[in-house]
Amino acid sequence: MNERLKRDNKLIVTIVKKGRAKKICEAAKKAGTKGGTTLMGKGTSAKEFKKMFGITLNEEREVILTVTKNELEEEVFNEIVEKGEINKPGKGIVFVMDLKRIDGIVHLLKEAQE
């Protein structure tokens, strides 16, 4: 594990409806990140549940994980909120987490050694 990586980077987590991850990733890249990872998930909010023929369905979600340098965190976060319209009802959620441990992100490892 590289100690500098965990001190110099944050994890931005964005959760949106299926099909919106590309827009979020493009916004993050525009703000200076190198990319991100998208995972599939399912929403469990009571408002999201729908009944059809007696079967409860819930919408699929995309979870975008973006590691970014501390100095880019605010710009990336704001770009995701703006382009993803996160501040509008039903569009998603975004939050930032400190990284306790990190390794394996080659481009960040190279930058940390410079």
Protein backbone atom coordinates (compact mmCIF):
# COMPACT_ATOMS: atom_id res chain seq x y z
CA MET A 1 0.00 0.00 0.00
CA ASN A 2 1.22 3.46 -0.82
CA GLU A 3 0.71 5.84 2.13
CA ARG A 4 0.80 8.91 -0.09
CA LEU A 5 -2.06 7.60 -2.25
CA LYS A 6 -4.45 7.34 0.66
CA ARG A 7 -3.55 10.85 1.90
CA ASP A 8 -3.71 12.55 -1.49
CA ASN A 9 -6.92 11.03 -2.89
CA LYS A 10 -10.65 10.80 -2.19
CA LEU A 11 -13.34 8.42 -3.40
CA ILE A 12 -16.40 10.01 -4.99
CA VAL A 13 -19.39 7.64 -5.06
CA THR A 14 -22.30 8.46 -7.37
CA ILE A 15 -25.53 6.43 -7.55
CA VAL A 16 -27.88 7.07 -10.50
CA LYS A 17 -30.59 5.34 -12.50
CA LYS A 18 -29.42 2.76 -15.03
CA GLY A 19 -28.19 4.36 -18.24
CA ARG A 20 -26.84 7.56 -16.68
CA ALA A 21 -23.33 6.40 -15.69
CA LYS A 22 -21.74 7.45 -18.98
CA LYS A 23 -22.83 11.05 -18.41
CA ILE A 24 -21.36 10.97 -14.89
CA CYS A 25 -18.05 9.48 -16.07
CA GLU A 26 -17.76 12.07 -18.84
CA ALA A 27 -18.38 14.88 -16.31
CA ALA A 28 -15.72 13.48 -13.96
CA LYS A 29 -13.19 13.19 -16.78
CA LYS A 30 -13.95 16.74 -17.92
CA ALA A 31 -13.11 17.89 -14.39
CA GLY A 32 -9.74 16.11 -14.43
CA THR A 33 -10.12 12.47 -13.35
CA LYS A 34 -8.63 9.59 -15.33
CA GLY A 35 -11.80 7.47 -15.22
CA GLY A 36 -13.97 5.44 -12.88
CA THR A 37 -15.59 2.10 -12.23
CA THR A 38 -19.31 1.43 -12.73
CA LEU A 39 -21.13 -1.27 -10.76
CA MET A 40 -24.76 -2.37 -11.08
CA GLY A 41 -27.12 -2.20 -8.12
CA LYS A 42 -30.80 -2.06 -7.20
CA GLY A 43 -32.57 0.77 -5.43
CA THR A 44 -34.58 0.05 -2.31
CA SER A 45 -36.22 3.43 -1.67
CA ALA A 46 -39.92 3.02 -0.82
CA LYS A 47 -40.82 5.59 -3.48
CA GLU A 48 -39.06 3.56 -6.16
CA PHE A 49 -41.03 0.35 -5.65
CA LYS A 50 -43.69 -0.36 -8.26
CA LYS A 51 -46.32 -3.06 -8.30
CA MET A 52 -47.19 -4.87 -11.51
CA PHE A 53 -49.41 -7.93 -11.49
CA GLY A 54 -48.74 -8.33 -7.76
CA ILE A 55 -44.95 -8.41 -8.23
CA THR A 56 -42.80 -5.70 -6.67
CA LEU A 57 -40.18 -4.29 -9.03
CA ASN A 58 -37.43 -1.83 -8.22
CA GLU A 59 -35.26 0.14 -10.58
CA GLU A 60 -31.70 -0.83 -11.37
CA ARG A 61 -28.99 1.64 -10.41
CA GLU A 62 -25.46 2.33 -11.52
CA VAL A 63 -22.86 3.01 -8.85
CA ILE A 64 -19.87 4.98 -10.13
CA LEU A 65 -16.66 4.88 -8.09
CA THR A 66 -14.21 7.66 -8.90
CA VAL A 67 -10.84 8.09 -7.19
CA THR A 68 -9.64 11.66 -7.47
CA LYS A 69 -6.84 13.81 -6.12
CA ASN A 70 -7.76 15.97 -3.14
CA GLU A 71 -7.19 19.18 -5.08
CA LEU A 72 -9.70 18.07 -7.78
CA GLU A 73 -12.37 16.79 -5.38
CA GLU A 74 -14.54 19.91 -5.30
CA GLU A 75 -14.36 20.51 -9.05
CA VAL A 76 -15.17 16.86 -9.87
CA PHE A 77 -17.99 16.75 -7.32
CA ASN A 78 -19.54 19.98 -8.66
CA GLU A 79 -19.25 18.82 -12.28
CA ILE A 80 -21.00 15.53 -11.42
CA VAL A 81 -23.78 17.40 -9.60
CA GLU A 82 -24.26 19.84 -12.50
CA LYS A 83 -24.03 17.46 -15.47
CA GLY A 84 -25.83 14.63 -13.67
CA GLU A 85 -28.51 17.02 -12.37
CA ILE A 86 -28.01 15.36 -8.99
CA ASN A 87 -29.60 18.31 -7.19
CA LYS A 88 -32.96 17.52 -8.83
CA PRO A 89 -35.39 15.03 -7.22
CA GLY A 90 -34.96 11.42 -8.34
CA LYS A 91 -31.70 12.01 -10.24
CA GLY A 92 -29.35 10.31 -7.79
CA ILE A 93 -26.91 10.89 -4.97
CA VAL A 94 -23.20 11.68 -4.79
CA PHE A 95 -20.89 11.69 -1.78
CA VAL A 96 -17.18 11.77 -0.97
CA MET A 97 -15.28 9.34 1.25
CA ASP A 98 -11.78 9.38 2.70
CA LEU A 99 -9.63 6.46 1.60
CA LYS A 100 -8.18 4.39 4.42
CA ARG A 101 -6.17 2.10 2.14
CA ILE A 102 -5.52 2.10 -1.59
CA ASP A 103 -3.31 0.21 -4.02
CA GLY A 104 -3.39 -1.12 -7.57
CA ILE A 105 -4.25 2.06 -9.44
CA VAL A 106 -1.18 2.14 -11.66
CA HIS A 107 -1.47 5.70 -12.99
CA LEU A 108 -1.83 7.06 -9.44
CA LEU A 109 1.10 4.95 -8.24
CA LYS A 110 3.31 6.39 -11.00
CA GLU A 111 2.27 9.96 -10.15
CA ALA A 112 2.92 9.36 -6.43
CA GLN A 113 6.49 8.22 -7.17
CA GLU A 114 7.30 11.37 -9.18
